[in-house]
PDB file of N, CA and C in Angstrom:
ATOM      1  N   LYS A   1      99.457 121.097 108.112  1.00  0.00           N
ATOM      2  CA  LYS A   1      99.705 122.450 107.640  1.00  0.00           C
ATOM      3  C   LYS A   1      99.831 122.476 106.127  1.00  0.00           C
ATOM      4  N   ALA A   2     100.475 121.445 105.570  1.00  0.00           N
ATOM      5  CA  ALA A   2     100.666 121.395 104.120  1.00  0.00           C
ATOM      6  C   ALA A   2      99.327 121.315 103.402  1.00  0.00           C
ATOM      7  N   LEU A   3      98.361 120.615 103.982  1.00  0.00           N
ATOM      8  CA  LEU A   3      97.045 120.490 103.360  1.00  0.00           C
ATOM      9  C   LEU A   3      96.329 121.845 103.340  1.00  0.00           C
ATOM     10  N   ARG A   4      96.318 122.511 104.456  1.00  0.00           N
ATOM     11  CA  ARG A   4      95.626 123.802 104.539  1.00  0.00           C
ATOM     12  C   ARG A   4      96.290 124.826 103.621  1.00  0.00           C
ATOM     13  N   SER A   5      97.611 124.864 103.614  1.00  0.00           N
ATOM     14  CA  SER A   5      98.304 125.843 102.771  1.00  0.00           C
ATOM     15  C   SER A   5      98.174 125.507 101.280  1.00  0.00           C
ATOM     16  N   SER A   6      97.791 124.272 100.966  1.00  0.00           N
ATOM     17  CA  SER A   6      97.570 123.869  99.576  1.00  0.00           C
ATOM     18  C   SER A   6      96.112 124.017  99.162  1.00  0.00           C
ATOM     19  N   GLY A   7      95.328 124.649 100.008  1.00  0.00           N
ATOM     20  CA  GLY A   7      93.928 124.883  99.673  1.00  0.00           C
ATOM     21  C   GLY A   7      93.025 123.689  99.954  1.00  0.00           C
ATOM     22  N   LEU A   8      93.419 122.830 100.897  1.00  0.00           N
ATOM     23  CA  LEU A   8      92.632 121.649 101.245  1.00  0.00           C
ATOM     24  C   LEU A   8      92.211 121.690 102.720  1.00  0.00           C
ATOM     25  N   PRO A   9      91.464 122.707 103.127  1.00  0.00           N
ATOM     26  CA  PRO A   9      91.022 122.777 104.524  1.00  0.00           C
ATOM     27  C   PRO A   9      89.847 121.831 104.756  1.00  0.00           C
ATOM     28  N   GLY A  10      89.329 121.838 105.958  1.00  0.00           N
ATOM     29  CA  GLY A  10      88.136 121.060 106.272  1.00  0.00           C
ATOM     30  C   GLY A  10      88.412 119.677 106.823  1.00  0.00           C
ATOM     31  N   TYR A  11      89.654 119.394 107.141  1.00  0.00           N
ATOM     32  CA  TYR A  11      89.992 118.083 107.684  1.00  0.00           C
ATOM     33  C   TYR A  11      89.906 118.090 109.203  1.00  0.00           C
ATOM     34  N   ARG A  12      89.821 116.909 109.763  1.00  0.00           N
ATOM     35  CA  ARG A  12      89.832 116.723 111.211  1.00  0.00           C
ATOM     36  C   ARG A  12      91.004 115.818 111.556  1.00  0.00           C
ATOM     37  N   LEU A  13      91.715 116.151 112.609  1.00  0.00           N
ATOM     38  CA  LEU A  13      92.839 115.325 113.055  1.00  0.00           C
ATOM     39  C   LEU A  13      92.360 114.333 114.102  1.00  0.00           C
ATOM     40  N   HIS A  14      92.742 113.063 113.926  1.00  0.00           N
ATOM     41  CA  HIS A  14      92.428 111.985 114.870  1.00  0.00           C
ATOM     42  C   HIS A  14      90.933 111.960 115.203  1.00  0.00           C
ATOM     43  N   TRP A  15      90.124 111.993 114.168  1.00  0.00           N
ATOM     44  CA  TRP A  15      88.676 112.110 114.321  1.00  0.00           C
ATOM     45  C   TRP A  15      88.086 110.840 114.917  1.00  0.00           C
ATOM     46  N   PRO A  16      87.509 110.900 116.109  1.00  0.00           N
ATOM     47  CA  PRO A  16      87.041 109.695 116.802  1.00  0.00           C
ATOM     48  C   PRO A  16      85.655 109.194 116.371  1.00  0.00           C
ATOM     49  N   LYS A  17      84.987 109.897 115.465  1.00  0.00           N
ATOM     50  CA  LYS A  17      83.623 109.528 115.110  1.00  0.00           C
ATOM     51  C   LYS A  17      83.524 108.452 114.027  1.00  0.00           C
ATOM     52  N   VAL A  18      84.657 107.968 113.540  1.00  0.00           N
ATOM     53  CA  VAL A  18      84.659 106.862 112.578  1.00  0.00           C
ATOM     54  C   VAL A  18      85.600 105.772 113.078  1.00  0.00           C
ATOM     55  N   PRO A  19      85.401 104.538 112.629  1.00  0.00           N
ATOM     56  CA  PRO A  19      86.281 103.445 113.070  1.00  0.00           C
ATOM     57  C   PRO A  19      87.746 103.728 112.740  1.00  0.00           C
ATOM     58  N   GLY A  20      88.611 103.335 113.619  1.00  0.00           N
ATOM     59  CA  GLY A  20      90.042 103.447 113.376  1.00  0.00           C
ATOM     60  C   GLY A  20      90.665 104.776 113.724  1.00  0.00           C
ATOM     61  N   ARG A  21      89.832 105.767 114.013  1.00  0.00           N
ATOM     62  CA  ARG A  21      90.331 107.103 114.370  1.00  0.00           C
ATOM     63  C   ARG A  21      91.473 107.540 113.440  1.00  0.00           C
ATOM     64  N   PRO A  22      91.135 107.829 112.164  1.00  0.00           N
ATOM     65  CA  PRO A  22      92.176 108.185 111.185  1.00  0.00           C
ATOM     66  C   PRO A  22      93.004 109.389 111.620  1.00  0.00           C
ATOM     67  N   ASP A  23      94.247 109.418 111.171  1.00  0.00           N
ATOM     68  CA  ASP A  23      95.119 110.545 111.486  1.00  0.00           C
ATOM     69  C   ASP A  23      94.540 111.836 110.917  1.00  0.00           C
ATOM     70  N   ILE A  24      94.011 111.748 109.697  1.00  0.00           N
ATOM     71  CA  ILE A  24      93.374 112.888 109.042  1.00  0.00           C
ATOM     72  C   ILE A  24      92.065 112.381 108.444  1.00  0.00           C
ATOM     73  N   ALA A  25      90.995 113.119 108.640  1.00  0.00           N
ATOM     74  CA  ALA A  25      89.705 112.712 108.072  1.00  0.00           C
ATOM     75  C   ALA A  25      89.044 113.910 107.411  1.00  0.00           C
ATOM     76  N   TYR A  26      88.455 113.649 106.251  1.00  0.00           N
ATOM     77  CA  TYR A  26      87.609 114.619 105.572  1.00  0.00           C
ATOM     78  C   TYR A  26      86.192 114.057 105.649  1.00  0.00           C
ATOM     79  N   PRO A  27      85.459 114.375 106.716  1.00  0.00           N
ATOM     80  CA  PRO A  27      84.137 113.784 106.926  1.00  0.00           C
ATOM     81  C   PRO A  27      83.163 114.002 105.771  1.00  0.00           C
ATOM     82  N   GLY A  28      83.143 115.186 105.195  1.00  0.00           N
ATOM     83  CA  GLY A  28      82.218 115.482 104.113  1.00  0.00           C
ATOM     84  C   GLY A  28      82.494 114.673 102.860  1.00  0.00           C
ATOM     85  N   LYS A  29      83.723 114.274 102.671  1.00  0.00           N
ATOM     86  CA  LYS A  29      84.122 113.498 101.494  1.00  0.00           C
ATOM     87  C   LYS A  29      84.256 112.011 101.799  1.00  0.00           C
ATOM     88  N   LYS A  30      84.071 111.649 103.069  1.00  0.00           N
ATOM     89  CA  LYS A  30      84.253 110.270 103.521  1.00  0.00           C
ATOM     90  C   LYS A  30      85.626 109.731 103.093  1.00  0.00           C
ATOM     91  N   LEU A  31      86.651 110.490 103.439  1.00  0.00           N
ATOM     92  CA  LEU A  31      88.027 110.134 103.116  1.00  0.00           C
ATOM     93  C   LEU A  31      88.833 110.084 104.406  1.00  0.00           C
ATOM     94  N   ALA A  32      89.469 108.938 104.651  1.00  0.00           N
ATOM     95  CA  ALA A  32      90.329 108.754 105.825  1.00  0.00           C
ATOM     96  C   ALA A  32      91.766 108.618 105.354  1.00  0.00           C
ATOM     97  N   ILE A  33      92.669 109.270 106.058  1.00  0.00           N
ATOM     98  CA  ILE A  33      94.086 109.211 105.715  1.00  0.00           C
ATOM     99  C   ILE A  33      94.844 108.754 106.952  1.00  0.00           C
ATOM    100  N   PHE A  34      95.618 107.689 106.768  1.00  0.00           N
ATOM    101  CA  PHE A  34      96.471 107.187 107.835  1.00  0.00           C
ATOM    102  C   PHE A  34      97.911 107.484 107.457  1.00  0.00           C
ATOM    103  N   VAL A  35      98.646 108.072 108.382  1.00  0.00           N
ATOM    104  CA  VAL A  35     100.065 108.346 108.176  1.00  0.00           C
ATOM    105  C   VAL A  35     100.821 107.299 108.982  1.00  0.00           C
ATOM    106  N   HIS A  36     101.426 106.365 108.264  1.00  0.00           N
ATOM    107  CA  HIS A  36     102.116 105.256 108.922  1.00  0.00           C
ATOM    108  C   HIS A  36     103.604 105.537 109.066  1.00  0.00           C
ATOM    109  N   GLY A  37     104.110 105.339 110.279  1.00  0.00           N
ATOM    110  CA  GLY A  37     105.540 105.399 110.504  1.00  0.00           C
ATOM    111  C   GLY A  37     106.171 104.150 109.896  1.00  0.00           C
ATOM    112  N   CYS A  38     107.244 104.317 109.174  1.00  0.00           N
ATOM    113  CA  CYS A  38     107.869 103.195 108.456  1.00  0.00           C
ATOM    114  C   CYS A  38     108.300 102.068 109.393  1.00  0.00           C
ATOM    115  N   PHE A  39     108.843 102.410 110.546  1.00  0.00           N
ATOM    116  CA  PHE A  39     109.308 101.386 111.483  1.00  0.00           C
ATOM    117  C   PHE A  39     108.142 100.613 112.078  1.00  0.00           C
ATOM    118  N   TRP A  40     107.147 101.314 112.609  1.00  0.00           N
ATOM    119  CA  TRP A  40     106.059 100.670 113.344  1.00  0.00           C
ATOM    120  C   TRP A  40     105.107  99.886 112.463  1.00  0.00           C
ATOM    121  N   HIS A  41     104.939 100.328 111.232  1.00  0.00           N
ATOM    122  CA  HIS A  41     103.981  99.675 110.346  1.00  0.00           C
ATOM    123  C   HIS A  41     104.672  98.865 109.253  1.00  0.00           C
ATOM    124  N   ARG A  42     105.997  98.803 109.296  1.00  0.00           N
ATOM    125  CA  ARG A  42     106.811  97.953 108.417  1.00  0.00           C
ATOM    126  C   ARG A  42     106.636  98.322 106.954  1.00  0.00           C
ATOM    127  N   CYS A  43     107.101  99.484 106.606  1.00  0.00           N
ATOM    128  CA  CYS A  43     107.009  99.992 105.236  1.00  0.00           C
ATOM    129  C   CYS A  43     107.618  98.998 104.243  1.00  0.00           C
ATOM    130  N   PRO A  44     106.859  98.642 103.201  1.00  0.00           N
ATOM    131  CA  PRO A  44     107.382  97.694 102.221  1.00  0.00           C
ATOM    132  C   PRO A  44     108.473  98.292 101.336  1.00  0.00           C
ATOM    133  N   SER A  45     108.545  99.619 101.247  1.00  0.00           N
ATOM    134  CA  SER A  45     109.561 100.255 100.409  1.00  0.00           C
ATOM    135  C   SER A  45     110.867 100.490 101.148  1.00  0.00           C
ATOM    136  N   CYS A  46     110.774 100.920 102.397  1.00  0.00           N
ATOM    137  CA  CYS A  46     111.969 101.230 103.193  1.00  0.00           C
ATOM    138  C   CYS A  46     112.667  99.975 103.701  1.00  0.00           C
ATOM    139  N   ASN A  47     111.843  98.967 103.992  1.00  0.00           N
ATOM    140  CA  ASN A  47     112.362  97.755 104.612  1.00  0.00           C
ATOM    141  C   ASN A  47     113.179  98.119 105.857  1.00  0.00           C
ATOM    142  N   PRO A  48     112.538  98.708 106.878  1.00  0.00           N
ATOM    143  CA  PRO A  48     113.263  99.160 108.064  1.00  0.00           C
ATOM    144  C   PRO A  48     113.906  98.006 108.830  1.00  0.00           C
ATOM    145  N   SER A  49     114.948  98.329 109.551  1.00  0.00           N
ATOM    146  CA  SER A  49     115.669  97.302 110.309  1.00  0.00           C
ATOM    147  C   SER A  49     114.765  96.689 111.374  1.00  0.00           C
ATOM    148  N   PHE A  50     115.104  95.485 111.746  1.00  0.00           N
ATOM    149  CA  PHE A  50     114.345  94.740 112.749  1.00  0.00           C
ATOM    150  C   PHE A  50     115.158  94.726 114.038  1.00  0.00           C
ATOM    151  N   PRO A  51     114.526  94.987 115.178  1.00  0.00           N
ATOM    152  CA  PRO A  51     115.288  94.976 116.446  1.00  0.00           C
ATOM    153  C   PRO A  51     116.005  93.641 116.664  1.00  0.00           C
ATOM    154  N   LYS A  52     117.186  93.713 117.196  1.00  0.00           N
ATOM    155  CA  LYS A  52     118.001  92.506 117.383  1.00  0.00           C
ATOM    156  C   LYS A  52     117.682  91.757 118.680  1.00  0.00           C
ATOM    157  N   ILE A  53     117.135  92.452 119.662  1.00  0.00           N
ATOM    158  CA  ILE A  53     116.779  91.769 120.904  1.00  0.00           C
ATOM    159  C   ILE A  53     115.260  91.676 121.025  1.00  0.00           C
ATOM    160  N   HIS A  54     114.810  90.666 121.753  1.00  0.00           N
ATOM    161  CA  HIS A  54     113.382  90.410 121.949  1.00  0.00           C
ATOM    162  C   HIS A  54     112.645  90.282 120.615  1.00  0.00           C
ATOM    163  N   GLN A  55     113.242  89.528 119.704  1.00  0.00           N
ATOM    164  CA  GLN A  55     112.700  89.425 118.356  1.00  0.00           C
ATOM    165  C   GLN A  55     111.291  88.838 118.323  1.00  0.00           C
ATOM    166  N   GLU A  56     111.001  87.891 119.200  1.00  0.00           N
ATOM    167  CA  GLU A  56     109.663  87.303 119.211  1.00  0.00           C
ATOM    168  C   GLU A  56     108.620  88.361 119.580  1.00  0.00           C
ATOM    169  N   PHE A  57     108.926  89.165 120.591  1.00  0.00           N
ATOM    170  CA  PHE A  57     108.021  90.241 120.991  1.00  0.00           C
ATOM    171  C   PHE A  57     107.772  91.196 119.829  1.00  0.00           C
ATOM    172  N   TRP A  58     108.856  91.653 119.179  1.00  0.00           N
ATOM    173  CA  TRP A  58     108.731  92.617 118.095  1.00  0.00           C
ATOM    174  C   TRP A  58     108.010  92.023 116.899  1.00  0.00           C
ATOM    175  N   SER A  59     108.266  90.785 116.627  1.00  0.00           N
ATOM    176  CA  SER A  59     107.587  90.133 115.509  1.00  0.00           C
ATOM    177  C   SER A  59     106.073  90.139 115.723  1.00  0.00           C
ATOM    178  N   LYS A  60     105.635  89.763 116.924  1.00  0.00           N
ATOM    179  CA  LYS A  60     104.196  89.779 117.244  1.00  0.00           C
ATOM    180  C   LYS A  60     103.643  91.201 117.210  1.00  0.00           C
ATOM    181  N   LYS A  61     104.402  92.141 117.741  1.00  0.00           N
ATOM    182  CA  LYS A  61     103.978  93.534 117.777  1.00  0.00           C
ATOM    183  C   LYS A  61     103.746  94.074 116.369  1.00  0.00           C
ATOM    184  N   PHE A  62     104.720  93.852 115.487  1.00  0.00           N
ATOM    185  CA  PHE A  62     104.607  94.354 114.114  1.00  0.00           C
ATOM    186  C   PHE A  62     103.469  93.657 113.367  1.00  0.00           C
ATOM    187  N   GLN A  63     103.308  92.357 113.584  1.00  0.00           N
ATOM    188  CA  GLN A  63     102.234  91.619 112.929  1.00  0.00           C
ATOM    189  C   GLN A  63     100.876  92.154 113.379  1.00  0.00           C
ATOM    190  N   ARG A  64     100.730  92.408 114.655  1.00  0.00           N
ATOM    191  CA  ARG A  64      99.469  92.932 115.178  1.00  0.00           C
ATOM    192  C   ARG A  64      99.180  94.341 114.627  1.00  0.00           C
ATOM    193  N   ASN A  65     100.239  95.155 114.481  1.00  0.00           N
ATOM    194  CA  ASN A  65     100.064  96.486 113.888  1.00  0.00           C
ATOM    195  C   ASN A  65      99.513  96.374 112.469  1.00  0.00           C
ATOM    196  N   LYS A  66     100.086  95.460 111.680  1.00  0.00           N
ATOM    197  CA  LYS A  66      99.621  95.265 110.303  1.00  0.00           C
ATOM    198  C   LYS A  66      98.175  94.785 110.273  1.00  0.00           C
ATOM    199  N   GLU A  67      97.842  93.847 111.147  1.00  0.00           N
ATOM    200  CA  GLU A  67      96.471  93.331 111.207  1.00  0.00           C
ATOM    201  C   GLU A  67      95.491  94.447 111.582  1.00  0.00           C
ATOM    202  N   ARG A  68      95.874  95.265 112.542  1.00  0.00           N
ATOM    203  CA  ARG A  68      95.027  96.369 112.982  1.00  0.00           C
ATOM    204  C   ARG A  68      94.822  97.369 111.845  1.00  0.00           C
ATOM    205  N   ASP A  69      95.883  97.639 111.094  1.00  0.00           N
ATOM    206  CA  ASP A  69      95.776  98.542 109.947  1.00  0.00           C
ATOM    207  C   ASP A  69      94.758  98.009 108.938  1.00  0.00           C
ATOM    208  N   GLU A  70      94.826  96.715 108.637  1.00  0.00           N
ATOM    209  CA  GLU A  70      93.896  96.099 107.685  1.00  0.00           C
ATOM    210  C   GLU A  70      92.464  96.140 108.211  1.00  0.00           C
ATOM    211  N   GLU A  71      92.295  95.901 109.498  1.00  0.00           N
ATOM    212  CA  GLU A  71      90.957  95.947 110.108  1.00  0.00           C
ATOM    213  C   GLU A  71      90.349  97.342 109.974  1.00  0.00           C
ATOM    214  N   LYS A  72      91.154  98.368 110.196  1.00  0.00           N
ATOM    215  CA  LYS A  72      90.660  99.740 110.094  1.00  0.00           C
ATOM    216  C   LYS A  72      90.177 100.043 108.679  1.00  0.00           C
ATOM    217  N   VAL A  73      90.955  99.624 107.688  1.00  0.00           N
ATOM    218  CA  VAL A  73      90.584  99.861 106.294  1.00  0.00           C
ATOM    219  C   VAL A  73      89.264  99.151 105.966  1.00  0.00           C
ATOM    220  N   LYS A  74      89.120  97.910 106.408  1.00  0.00           N
ATOM    221  CA  LYS A  74      87.890  97.151 106.148  1.00  0.00           C
ATOM    222  C   LYS A  74      86.682  97.792 106.826  1.00  0.00           C
ATOM    223  N   GLU A  75      86.845  98.209 108.081  1.00  0.00           N
ATOM    224  CA  GLU A  75      85.741  98.830 108.811  1.00  0.00           C
ATOM    225  C   GLU A  75      85.286 100.122 108.130  1.00  0.00           C
ATOM    226  N   LEU A  76      86.230 100.914 107.699  1.00  0.00           N
ATOM    227  CA  LEU A  76      85.885 102.159 107.024  1.00  0.00           C
ATOM    228  C   LEU A  76      85.219 101.887 105.676  1.00  0.00           C
ATOM    229  N   GLY A  77      85.705 100.884 104.969  1.00  0.00           N
ATOM    230  CA  GLY A  77      85.113 100.517 103.683  1.00  0.00           C
ATOM    231  C   GLY A  77      83.670 100.083 103.821  1.00  0.00           C
ATOM    232  N   LYS A  78      83.358  99.404 104.901  1.00  0.00           N
ATOM    233  CA  LYS A  78      81.986  98.934 105.137  1.00  0.00           C
ATOM    234  C   LYS A  78      80.998 100.086 105.283  1.00  0.00           C
ATOM    235  N   ILE A  79      81.478 101.220 105.748  1.00  0.00           N
ATOM    236  CA  ILE A  79      80.569 102.366 105.913  1.00  0.00           C
ATOM    237  C   ILE A  79      80.765 103.401 104.796  1.00  0.00           C
ATOM    238  N   GLY A  80      81.432 102.981 103.722  1.00  0.00           N
ATOM    239  CA  GLY A  80      81.527 103.825 102.534  1.00  0.00           C
ATOM    240  C   GLY A  80      82.663 104.827 102.492  1.00  0.00           C
ATOM    241  N   TRP A  81      83.635 104.668 103.358  1.00  0.00           N
ATOM    242  CA  TRP A  81      84.780 105.588 103.364  1.00  0.00           C
ATOM    243  C   TRP A  81      85.889 105.068 102.471  1.00  0.00           C
ATOM    244  N   LYS A  82      86.628 106.011 101.861  1.00  0.00           N
ATOM    245  CA  LYS A  82      87.839 105.685 101.118  1.00  0.00           C
ATOM    246  C   LYS A  82      89.019 105.882 102.067  1.00  0.00           C
ATOM    247  N   VAL A  83      90.097 105.146 101.821  1.00  0.00           N
ATOM    248  CA  VAL A  83      91.264 105.217 102.693  1.00  0.00           C
ATOM    249  C   VAL A  83      92.520 105.437 101.864  1.00  0.00           C
ATOM    250  N   ILE A  84      93.331 106.370 102.303  1.00  0.00           N
ATOM    251  CA  ILE A  84      94.651 106.588 101.714  1.00  0.00           C
ATOM    252  C   ILE A  84      95.668 106.363 102.824  1.00  0.00           C
ATOM    253  N   VAL A  85      96.674 105.565 102.526  1.00  0.00           N
ATOM    254  CA  VAL A  85      97.773 105.342 103.468  1.00  0.00           C
ATOM    255  C   VAL A  85      98.985 106.107 102.961  1.00  0.00           C
ATOM    256  N   VAL A  86      99.534 106.933 103.822  1.00  0.00           N
ATOM    257  CA  VAL A  86     100.731 107.701 103.510  1.00  0.00           C
ATOM    258  C   VAL A  86     101.841 107.187 104.409  1.00  0.00           C
ATOM    259  N   TRP A  87     102.971 106.873 103.810  1.00  0.00           N
ATOM    260  CA  TRP A  87     104.115 106.401 104.583  1.00  0.00           C
ATOM    261  C   TRP A  87     105.020 107.572 104.961  1.00  0.00           C
ATOM    262  N   GLU A  88     105.610 107.462 106.113  1.00  0.00           N
ATOM    263  CA  GLU A  88     106.522 108.489 106.629  1.00  0.00           C
ATOM    264  C   GLU A  88     107.595 108.855 105.598  1.00  0.00           C
ATOM    265  N   CYS A  89     108.141 107.853 104.942  1.00  0.00           N
ATOM    266  CA  CYS A  89     109.202 108.104 103.967  1.00  0.00           C
ATOM    267  C   CYS A  89     108.696 108.899 102.765  1.00  0.00           C
ATOM    268  N   GLN A  90     107.415 108.727 102.409  1.00  0.00           N
ATOM    269  CA  GLN A  90     106.846 109.492 101.299  1.00  0.00           C
ATOM    270  C   GLN A  90     106.745 110.965 101.652  1.00  0.00           C
ATOM    271  N   LEU A  91     106.411 111.249 102.916  1.00  0.00           N
ATOM    272  CA  LEU A  91     106.367 112.643 103.358  1.00  0.00           C
ATOM    273  C   LEU A  91     107.749 113.275 103.301  1.00  0.00           C
ATOM    274  N   LYS A  92     108.750 112.520 103.701  1.00  0.00           N
ATOM    275  CA  LYS A  92     110.116 113.039 103.691  1.00  0.00           C
ATOM    276  C   LYS A  92     110.634 113.201 102.267  1.00  0.00           C
ATOM    277  N   GLU A  93     110.220 112.287 101.394  1.00  0.00           N
ATOM    278  CA  GLU A  93     110.699 112.297 100.010  1.00  0.00           C
ATOM    279  C   GLU A  93     110.135 113.490  99.227  1.00  0.00           C
ATOM    280  N   ASP A  94     108.813 113.656  99.263  1.00  0.00           N
ATOM    281  CA  ASP A  94     108.197 114.762  98.530  1.00  0.00           C
ATOM    282  C   ASP A  94     106.775 114.983  99.032  1.00  0.00           C
ATOM    283  N   ILE A  95     106.615 115.906  99.944  1.00  0.00           N
ATOM    284  CA  ILE A  95     105.304 116.152 100.548  1.00  0.00           C
ATOM    285  C   ILE A  95     104.294 116.658  99.520  1.00  0.00           C
ATOM    286  N   ASN A  96     104.771 117.324  98.470  1.00  0.00           N
ATOM    287  CA  ASN A  96     103.866 117.826  97.441  1.00  0.00           C
ATOM    288  C   ASN A  96     103.188 116.700  96.677  1.00  0.00           C
ATOM    289  N   VAL A  97     103.880 115.604  96.464  1.00  0.00           N
ATOM    290  CA  VAL A  97     103.285 114.436  95.814  1.00  0.00           C
ATOM    291  C   VAL A  97     102.181 113.859  96.698  1.00  0.00           C
ATOM    292  N   VAL A  98     102.432 113.807  97.994  1.00  0.00           N
ATOM    293  CA  VAL A  98     101.435 113.299  98.945  1.00  0.00           C
ATOM    294  C   VAL A  98     100.207 114.208  98.957  1.00  0.00           C
ATOM    295  N   VAL A  99     100.422 115.507  98.989  1.00  0.00           N
ATOM    296  CA  VAL A  99      99.305 116.453  98.985  1.00  0.00           C
ATOM    297  C   VAL A  99      98.475 116.275  97.713  1.00  0.00           C
ATOM    298  N   GLU A 100      99.120 116.059  96.599  1.00  0.00           N
ATOM    299  CA  GLU A 100      98.394 115.872  95.342  1.00  0.00           C
ATOM    300  C   GLU A 100      97.572 114.583  95.365  1.00  0.00           C
ATOM    301  N   ARG A 101      98.104 113.516  95.953  1.00  0.00           N
ATOM    302  CA  ARG A 101      97.333 112.276  96.104  1.00  0.00           C
ATOM    303  C   ARG A 101      96.079 112.523  96.928  1.00  0.00           C
ATOM    304  N   ILE A 102      96.229 113.292  97.988  1.00  0.00           N
ATOM    305  CA  ILE A 102      95.085 113.592  98.848  1.00  0.00           C
ATOM    306  C   ILE A 102      94.078 114.456  98.096  1.00  0.00           C
ATOM    307  N   ARG A 103      94.560 115.406  97.315  1.00  0.00           N
ATOM    308  CA  ARG A 103      93.666 116.248  96.509  1.00  0.00           C
ATOM    309  C   ARG A 103      92.843 115.362  95.557  1.00  0.00           C
ATOM    310  N   LYS A 104      93.495 114.393  94.932  1.00  0.00           N
ATOM    311  CA  LYS A 104      92.787 113.481  94.024  1.00  0.00           C
ATOM    312  C   LYS A 104      91.774 112.630  94.791  1.00  0.00           C
ATOM    313  N   GLY A 105      92.124 112.234  95.994  1.00  0.00           N
ATOM    314  CA  GLY A 105      91.195 111.467  96.822  1.00  0.00           C
ATOM    315  C   GLY A 105      89.965 112.280  97.181  1.00  0.00           C
ATOM    316  N   ILE A 106      90.171 113.542  97.492  1.00  0.00           N
ATOM    317  CA  ILE A 106      89.063 114.424  97.831  1.00  0.00           C
ATOM    318  C   ILE A 106      88.154 114.614  96.615  1.00  0.00           C
ATOM    319  N   ASN A 107      88.760 114.671  95.440  1.00  0.00           N
ATOM    320  CA  ASN A 107      87.990 114.868  94.208  1.00  0.00           C
ATOM    321  C   ASN A 107      87.545 113.550  93.581  1.00  0.00           C
ATOM    322  N   HIS A 108      87.676 112.463  94.329  1.00  0.00           N
ATOM    323  CA  HIS A 108      87.247 111.127  93.876  1.00  0.00           C
ATOM    324  C   HIS A 108      87.955 110.689  92.598  1.00  0.00           C
ATOM    325  N   GLN A 109      89.235 110.990  92.473  1.00  0.00           N
ATOM    326  CA  GLN A 109      89.978 110.621  91.281  1.00  0.00           C
ATOM    327  C   GLN A 109      91.026 109.553  91.549  1.00  0.00           C
ATOM    328  N   VAL A 110      90.945 108.880  92.666  1.00  0.00           N
ATOM    329  CA  VAL A 110      91.947 107.863  92.969  1.00  0.00           C
ATOM    330  C   VAL A 110      91.475 106.514  92.438  1.00  0.00           C
ATOM    331  N   PRO A 111      92.375 105.717  91.891  1.00  0.00           N
ATOM    332  CA  PRO A 111      92.001 104.448  91.250  1.00  0.00           C
ATOM    333  C   PRO A 111      91.878 103.286  92.219  1.00  0.00           C
ATOM    334  N   TYR A 112      90.809 103.254  92.998  1.00  0.00           N
ATOM    335  CA  TYR A 112      90.610 102.128  93.895  1.00  0.00           C
ATOM    336  C   TYR A 112      89.138 101.944  94.185  1.00  0.00           C
ATOM    337  N   GLU A 113      88.811 100.751  94.644  1.00  0.00           N
ATOM    338  CA  GLU A 113      87.437 100.427  95.005  1.00  0.00           C
ATOM    339  C   GLU A 113      87.144 100.949  96.402  1.00  0.00           C
ATOM    340  N   LYS A 114      85.878 101.075  96.735  1.00  0.00           N
ATOM    341  CA  LYS A 114      85.461 101.530  98.049  1.00  0.00           C
ATOM    342  C   LYS A 114      86.077 100.636  99.133  1.00  0.00           C
ATOM    343  N   GLY A 115      86.730 101.240 100.108  1.00  0.00           N
ATOM    344  CA  GLY A 115      87.306 100.499 101.215  1.00  0.00           C
ATOM    345  C   GLY A 115      88.687  99.939 100.945  1.00  0.00           C
ATOM    346  N   GLN A 116      89.145 100.070  99.732  1.00  0.00           N
ATOM    347  CA  GLN A 116      90.467  99.537  99.395  1.00  0.00           C
ATOM    348  C   GLN A 116      91.522 100.599  99.691  1.00  0.00           C
ATOM    349  N   CYS A 117      92.674 100.175 100.045  1.00  0.00           N
ATOM    350  CA  CYS A 117      93.734 101.080 100.431  1.00  0.00           C
ATOM    351  C   CYS A 117      94.519 101.517  99.196  1.00  0.00           C
ATOM    352  N   PHE A 118      94.804 102.803  99.073  1.00  0.00           N
ATOM    353  CA  PHE A 118      95.552 103.336  97.946  1.00  0.00           C
ATOM    354  C   PHE A 118      96.957 103.667  98.409  1.00  0.00           C
ATOM    355  N   ARG A 119      97.907 102.950  97.880  1.00  0.00           N
ATOM    356  CA  ARG A 119      99.306 103.215  98.210  1.00  0.00           C
ATOM    357  C   ARG A 119     100.044 103.534  96.924  1.00  0.00           C
ATOM    358  N   ARG A 120     100.810 104.588  96.956  1.00  0.00           N
ATOM    359  CA  ARG A 120     101.576 104.978  95.787  1.00  0.00           C
ATOM    360  C   ARG A 120     102.721 103.997  95.601  1.00  0.00           C
ATOM    361  N   THR A 121     102.901 103.549  94.368  1.00  0.00           N
ATOM    362  CA  THR A 121     104.032 102.692  94.066  1.00  0.00           C
ATOM    363  C   THR A 121     105.271 103.571  94.024  1.00  0.00           C
ATOM    364  N   ARG A 122     106.275 103.154  94.730  1.00  0.00           N
ATOM    365  CA  ARG A 122     107.497 103.946  94.783  1.00  0.00           C
ATOM    366  C   ARG A 122     108.470 103.488  93.717  1.00  0.00           C
ATOM    367  N   VAL A 123     109.051 104.437  93.034  1.00  0.00           N
ATOM    368  CA  VAL A 123     110.060 104.141  92.037  1.00  0.00           C
ATOM    369  C   VAL A 123     111.327 104.837  92.477  1.00  0.00           C
ATOM    370  N   ARG A 124     112.367 104.081  92.629  1.00  0.00           N
ATOM    371  CA  ARG A 124     113.638 104.670  93.054  1.00  0.00           C
ATOM    372  C   ARG A 124     114.490 104.937  91.810  1.00  0.00           C
ATOM    373  N   MET A 125     115.001 106.135  91.720  1.00  0.00           N
ATOM    374  CA  MET A 125     115.856 106.491  90.600  1.00  0.00           C
ATOM    375  C   MET A 125     117.298 106.159  90.981  1.00  0.00           C
ATOM    376  N   THR A 126     117.995 105.531  90.069  1.00  0.00           N
ATOM    377  CA  THR A 126     119.399 105.211  90.337  1.00  0.00           C
ATOM    378  C   THR A 126     120.265 105.850  89.270  1.00  0.00           C
ATOM    379  N   LYS A 127     121.458 106.194  89.649  1.00  0.00           N
ATOM    380  CA  LYS A 127     122.405 106.771  88.703  1.00  0.00           C
ATOM    381  C   LYS A 127     123.043 105.655  87.900  1.00  0.00           C
ATOM    382  N   THR A 128     123.241 105.909  86.626  1.00  0.00           N
ATOM    383  CA  THR A 128     123.890 104.891  85.781  1.00  0.00           C
ATOM    384  C   THR A 128     125.216 105.378  85.305  1.00  0.00           C
TER     385      THR A 128
END
């Protein structure tokens, strides 16, 4: 909804016609957007807690999720698609910043090579 209300229509949700079935796809611009949940995809900024029971199972599960994410990015890159990864915490922090990143991706203004994943570096402000 935020994309459409920001003047960025034309996307497809969970579009099955490209590898990885991106959460959001702009087919005309060859732009795939994956929205990763911090817990399931192990956000490097949030550092989510690790389950205390069945740790071996969860460790394999999380590792496989990361591998699958990388495979999707590589597959899309091979066919000329750009990929933006949005983390759940970034949406909660400031959805307008995320929308602007997507706008830049649509306009081919993001600083990355074809098939490479663009992740915003997070800067945490602390009180002094």
